[in-house]
N, C-alpha and C. Protein backbone atom coordinates (compact mmCIF):
# COMPACT_ATOMS: atom_id res chain seq x y z
N MET A 1 177.24 -24.65 78.84
CA MET A 1 176.51 -24.87 80.54
C MET A 1 177.47 -24.01 81.41
N ALA A 2 176.53 -23.21 82.08
CA ALA A 2 176.95 -22.07 82.64
C ALA A 2 178.10 -22.60 84.35
N GLU A 3 178.81 -21.64 84.74
CA GLU A 3 179.71 -21.85 85.87
C GLU A 3 178.87 -22.12 87.35
N GLU A 4 179.27 -23.23 87.68
CA GLU A 4 179.09 -23.38 89.29
C GLU A 4 179.08 -22.52 89.99
N LYS A 5 178.38 -21.79 91.08
CA LYS A 5 179.08 -20.85 92.34
C LYS A 5 179.60 -21.98 92.93
N PRO A 6 180.54 -21.60 93.57
CA PRO A 6 181.36 -22.30 94.52
C PRO A 6 180.97 -22.23 95.70
N THR A 7 180.85 -23.68 96.98
CA THR A 7 179.71 -23.29 97.68
C THR A 7 180.76 -22.34 98.91
N TYR A 8 181.84 -22.30 99.00
CA TYR A 8 182.53 -21.13 99.87
C TYR A 8 181.73 -19.43 99.37
N GLN A 9 181.66 -19.10 98.01
CA GLN A 9 180.62 -18.06 97.46
C GLN A 9 179.00 -17.99 98.39
N ASP A 10 178.73 -19.02 98.92
CA ASP A 10 177.40 -18.73 98.90
C ASP A 10 177.30 -18.99 100.33
N PHE A 11 178.37 -19.78 100.68
CA PHE A 11 178.47 -19.59 102.47
C PHE A 11 178.50 -18.27 103.02
N LEU A 12 178.97 -17.33 101.88
CA LEU A 12 179.94 -15.98 102.72
C LEU A 12 179.45 -15.06 102.10
N GLU A 13 178.27 -14.82 101.30
CA GLU A 13 176.62 -14.45 100.80
C GLU A 13 175.83 -15.07 102.43
N TYR A 14 175.53 -16.28 102.51
CA TYR A 14 174.54 -16.28 103.64
C TYR A 14 175.48 -15.78 105.16
N VAL A 15 176.56 -15.26 105.56
CA VAL A 15 176.69 -15.65 106.46
C VAL A 15 176.61 -13.53 106.74
N ILE A 16 177.20 -13.09 105.44
CA ILE A 16 176.97 -11.44 105.53
C ILE A 16 175.36 -10.70 105.28
N LYS A 17 174.88 -11.81 104.64
CA LYS A 17 173.28 -11.29 105.06
C LYS A 17 172.95 -11.45 105.93
N SER A 18 172.97 -12.07 106.79
CA SER A 18 172.76 -12.54 108.01
C SER A 18 173.11 -11.69 109.00
N LEU A 19 174.16 -10.96 108.63
CA LEU A 19 174.96 -9.93 109.69
C LEU A 19 174.53 -8.52 109.90
N VAL A 20 173.96 -8.66 108.10
CA VAL A 20 173.57 -6.64 108.35
C VAL A 20 172.09 -6.37 107.87
N ASP A 21 172.00 -4.98 108.12
CA ASP A 21 169.71 -4.56 107.71
C ASP A 21 169.79 -4.98 106.42
N HIS A 22 170.65 -4.81 105.32
CA HIS A 22 170.40 -4.07 104.15
C HIS A 22 170.86 -6.06 103.27
N PRO A 23 170.07 -6.53 103.39
CA PRO A 23 171.02 -7.74 102.82
C PRO A 23 170.50 -8.04 101.21
N ASP A 24 169.55 -6.98 100.76
CA ASP A 24 168.99 -7.16 99.65
C ASP A 24 169.97 -6.35 98.62
N VAL A 25 171.36 -5.88 99.88
CA VAL A 25 172.43 -4.99 98.86
C VAL A 25 173.73 -5.89 98.58
N VAL A 26 173.77 -6.44 99.23
CA VAL A 26 175.27 -7.36 99.43
C VAL A 26 175.14 -8.32 98.42
N GLU A 27 176.58 -7.78 97.78
CA GLU A 27 177.06 -8.32 96.50
C GLU A 27 178.07 -8.77 96.40
N VAL A 28 178.68 -10.50 96.14
CA VAL A 28 179.90 -11.08 95.89
C VAL A 28 180.32 -11.34 94.88
N SER A 29 181.87 -10.60 94.46
CA SER A 29 181.67 -11.30 93.11
C SER A 29 183.15 -11.94 93.00
N ARG A 30 183.52 -13.06 92.56
CA ARG A 30 185.27 -14.01 92.52
C ARG A 30 185.45 -13.35 91.36
N LYS A 31 186.61 -13.32 91.24
CA LYS A 31 187.81 -13.13 90.94
C LYS A 31 188.80 -14.42 91.04
N VAL A 32 189.61 -15.31 89.85
CA VAL A 32 190.14 -16.45 89.88
C VAL A 32 191.20 -15.81 89.24
N ASP A 33 193.02 -16.17 90.01
CA ASP A 33 193.78 -15.65 89.16
C ASP A 33 195.44 -16.58 89.68
N GLU A 34 196.60 -17.21 89.85
CA GLU A 34 197.11 -17.27 90.08
C GLU A 34 197.51 -17.99 91.74
N MET A 35 197.24 -16.65 91.86
CA MET A 35 197.21 -16.72 93.82
C MET A 35 195.97 -17.15 94.22
N GLY A 36 195.05 -17.51 93.75
CA GLY A 36 194.15 -18.67 94.20
C GLY A 36 192.76 -17.38 93.68
N VAL A 37 191.97 -17.15 94.63
CA VAL A 37 190.33 -16.98 94.38
C VAL A 37 190.55 -15.88 95.48
N LEU A 38 189.78 -14.78 94.58
CA LEU A 38 189.84 -13.52 95.82
C LEU A 38 188.40 -13.20 95.25
N LEU A 39 187.58 -12.88 96.72
CA LEU A 39 186.06 -12.90 96.87
C LEU A 39 185.41 -11.15 97.18
N THR A 40 184.95 -10.29 96.53
CA THR A 40 185.14 -8.87 97.04
C THR A 40 183.76 -8.85 96.87
N LEU A 41 183.32 -7.87 98.31
CA LEU A 41 182.25 -7.82 99.23
C LEU A 41 182.07 -6.45 98.99
N LYS A 42 180.54 -5.49 98.77
CA LYS A 42 180.00 -4.81 98.54
C LYS A 42 178.81 -5.15 99.89
N VAL A 43 179.06 -3.76 100.45
CA VAL A 43 177.75 -3.37 100.74
C VAL A 43 177.00 -2.90 101.09
N HIS A 44 175.68 -2.54 101.85
CA HIS A 44 175.41 -0.80 102.21
C HIS A 44 176.55 -0.29 102.93
N PRO A 45 176.35 1.13 102.84
CA PRO A 45 177.55 2.43 103.39
C PRO A 45 177.12 1.99 105.25
N ASP A 46 175.72 1.78 105.80
CA ASP A 46 175.25 1.48 107.06
C ASP A 46 175.33 0.38 107.81
N ASP A 47 176.25 -0.46 106.69
CA ASP A 47 176.66 -2.25 107.78
C ASP A 47 177.80 -2.33 107.49
N MET A 48 178.67 -1.05 107.15
CA MET A 48 180.07 -1.36 107.29
C MET A 48 180.56 -1.67 108.47
N GLY A 49 180.25 -0.84 109.88
CA GLY A 49 180.21 -1.09 110.93
C GLY A 49 179.84 -2.55 111.71
N GLN A 50 179.19 -2.77 110.90
CA GLN A 50 178.66 -4.32 111.45
C GLN A 50 179.25 -5.31 110.85
N LEU A 51 179.77 -4.69 109.73
CA LEU A 51 180.46 -5.78 108.94
C LEU A 51 182.32 -6.15 109.34
N ILE A 52 182.48 -4.50 109.85
CA ILE A 52 183.45 -4.64 109.90
C ILE A 52 184.36 -5.08 111.50
N GLY A 53 183.46 -5.08 112.41
CA GLY A 53 183.55 -4.78 113.32
C GLY A 53 184.19 -4.22 114.34
N ARG A 54 184.24 -4.59 115.68
CA ARG A 54 185.31 -4.09 116.73
C ARG A 54 186.66 -4.04 116.49
N GLN A 55 187.56 -2.89 116.02
CA GLN A 55 189.20 -3.27 115.89
C GLN A 55 188.87 -4.01 113.98
N GLY A 56 188.15 -4.38 114.19
CA GLY A 56 188.09 -5.72 112.52
C GLY A 56 187.98 -6.75 113.18
N SER A 57 187.41 -7.41 114.48
CA SER A 57 187.28 -8.65 114.23
C SER A 57 186.43 -9.48 113.74
N THR A 58 184.89 -9.03 113.42
CA THR A 58 184.16 -9.55 112.80
C THR A 58 184.83 -10.10 111.51
N ALA A 59 185.04 -8.78 110.78
CA ALA A 59 185.70 -8.85 109.51
C ALA A 59 186.81 -10.07 109.06
N ARG A 60 187.86 -10.45 110.64
CA ARG A 60 188.97 -11.22 110.53
C ARG A 60 188.13 -12.65 110.97
N ALA A 61 187.61 -12.99 111.18
CA ALA A 61 186.27 -14.02 111.52
C ALA A 61 186.13 -14.60 110.66
N ILE A 62 185.50 -14.00 109.51
CA ILE A 62 184.89 -13.80 108.63
C ILE A 62 185.43 -14.68 107.55
N ARG A 63 186.91 -14.18 107.36
CA ARG A 63 187.61 -14.12 106.88
C ARG A 63 188.68 -15.29 106.78
N THR A 64 188.81 -15.93 107.78
CA THR A 64 189.08 -17.46 108.40
C THR A 64 188.23 -17.92 108.70
N LEU A 65 186.77 -17.88 108.29
CA LEU A 65 185.86 -18.44 108.27
C LEU A 65 185.85 -18.98 106.49
N VAL A 66 186.24 -17.95 106.05
CA VAL A 66 186.49 -18.62 104.44
C VAL A 66 187.10 -18.80 103.39
N ARG A 67 188.20 -19.07 104.66
CA ARG A 67 189.51 -19.85 104.15
C ARG A 67 189.60 -21.03 104.29
N ILE A 68 188.42 -21.37 105.41
CA ILE A 68 188.63 -22.99 105.70
C ILE A 68 187.19 -23.72 104.98
N ALA A 69 186.72 -23.07 104.90
CA ALA A 69 185.20 -22.94 104.01
C ALA A 69 186.23 -23.40 101.98
N GLY A 70 187.42 -23.18 101.38
CA GLY A 70 187.86 -22.31 100.52
C GLY A 70 188.53 -23.92 100.10
N MET A 71 189.12 -24.36 102.05
CA MET A 71 190.55 -25.26 101.79
C MET A 71 189.31 -26.53 101.34
N LYS A 72 188.51 -27.05 101.76
CA LYS A 72 187.56 -27.85 101.77
C LYS A 72 187.36 -28.41 100.08
N SER A 73 187.66 -27.10 99.10
CA SER A 73 187.01 -27.06 98.06
C SER A 73 188.83 -27.13 97.26
N GLN A 74 189.93 -27.37 97.85
CA GLN A 74 191.04 -27.22 97.24
C GLN A 74 190.98 -26.08 96.58
N ALA A 75 191.02 -24.86 97.87
CA ALA A 75 190.99 -23.05 96.69
C ALA A 75 191.56 -22.56 97.79
N ARG A 76 192.36 -21.37 97.39
CA ARG A 76 192.59 -20.65 98.59
C ARG A 76 192.50 -19.86 98.19
N VAL A 77 191.40 -19.01 99.41
CA VAL A 77 190.68 -17.99 99.81
C VAL A 77 191.11 -16.78 100.30
N ASN A 78 190.83 -15.75 99.51
CA ASN A 78 190.97 -14.51 100.06
C ASN A 78 189.23 -13.76 100.06
N MET A 79 189.22 -12.78 101.40
CA MET A 79 188.03 -11.96 100.99
C MET A 79 188.70 -10.55 101.33
N LYS A 80 188.09 -9.26 100.13
CA LYS A 80 187.91 -8.25 99.84
C LYS A 80 186.81 -7.80 100.29
N ILE A 81 186.84 -6.19 101.18
CA ILE A 81 185.86 -5.37 101.13
C ILE A 81 186.21 -4.24 100.46
N GLU A 82 185.19 -4.58 99.71
CA GLU A 82 184.98 -2.86 99.25
C GLU A 82 184.61 -1.60 99.61
N GLU A 83 184.90 -0.84 100.00
CA GLU A 83 184.65 0.57 101.34
C GLU A 83 183.22 0.94 99.64
N PRO A 84 182.08 1.39 100.43
CA PRO A 84 180.88 1.96 99.28
C PRO A 84 181.22 3.57 99.19
N GLU A 85 180.67 3.86 98.37
CA GLU A 85 180.84 5.23 97.79
C GLU A 85 179.84 5.71 99.19
N GLY A 86 181.13 7.50 99.47
CA GLY A 86 180.43 7.25 100.94
C GLY A 86 180.57 7.52 102.12
N GLY A 87 181.52 6.78 101.38
CA GLY A 87 182.33 5.86 103.05
C GLY A 87 183.49 7.20 103.57
N ARG A 88 184.03 6.50 104.52
CA ARG A 88 184.56 7.57 105.23
C ARG A 88 186.49 7.82 104.83
N GLY A 89 186.54 6.64 103.45
CA GLY A 89 187.41 7.15 102.92
C GLY A 89 188.22 8.21 102.54
N GLU A 90 188.86 8.99 101.98
CA GLU A 90 188.87 10.32 101.66
C GLU A 90 188.40 11.34 102.56
N SER A 91 186.82 11.89 102.92
CA SER A 91 186.74 12.96 103.63
C SER A 91 186.95 12.69 105.07
N HIS A 92 187.22 11.46 105.50
CA HIS A 92 187.89 11.28 106.73
C HIS A 92 189.24 11.71 107.12
N ARG A 93 190.07 11.60 106.34
CA ARG A 93 191.85 11.44 106.19
C ARG A 93 191.96 13.20 106.58
N LYS A 94 190.76 13.54 105.62
CA LYS A 94 191.36 14.91 105.16
C LYS A 94 190.97 15.62 106.65
N GLU A 95 189.59 15.65 107.04
CA GLU A 95 189.31 15.73 108.78
C GLU A 95 190.35 15.48 109.23
N SER A 96 190.77 14.63 109.57
CA SER A 96 191.29 14.38 110.85
C SER A 96 193.01 15.44 109.88
N PHE A 97 193.39 15.33 109.07
CA PHE A 97 194.61 16.46 108.54
C PHE A 97 193.73 17.68 109.10
N ASP A 98 192.78 18.14 109.13
CA ASP A 98 192.93 19.95 109.09
C ASP A 98 192.56 19.92 110.74
N SER A 99 192.28 18.66 111.41
CA SER A 99 192.38 18.95 112.13
C SER A 99 193.48 19.18 113.64
N LEU A 100 195.11 18.72 112.82
CA LEU A 100 195.59 19.21 113.48
C LEU A 100 196.34 20.62 113.81
N ASN A 101 195.72 21.52 113.13
CA ASN A 101 195.84 22.66 113.37
C ASN A 101 197.44 23.05 113.44
N PHE A 102 198.13 23.67 112.41
CA PHE A 102 199.52 23.58 112.42
C PHE A 102 199.79 24.77 112.61
């Protein structure tokens, strides 16, 4: 018998796909350990700004909603957003460091 996908994971996929411009690229994976459930979210690089929002407000709100949905299933749920390839990560930090002009 196949493992059934929890309702909070479906809920997260629905919310994210409704927000982004590339819903076909959205991927949610689930990992369960002694700390609870970790939902890892992957989206298209162009959609990161929409997902995170101004000063992280959208991501914070989504995390809160997912935690509440998890509580209904008696699960401690957290969400992690993976930075896509070609994101701002390392190159952005390097540019910031280079612009200091020592």
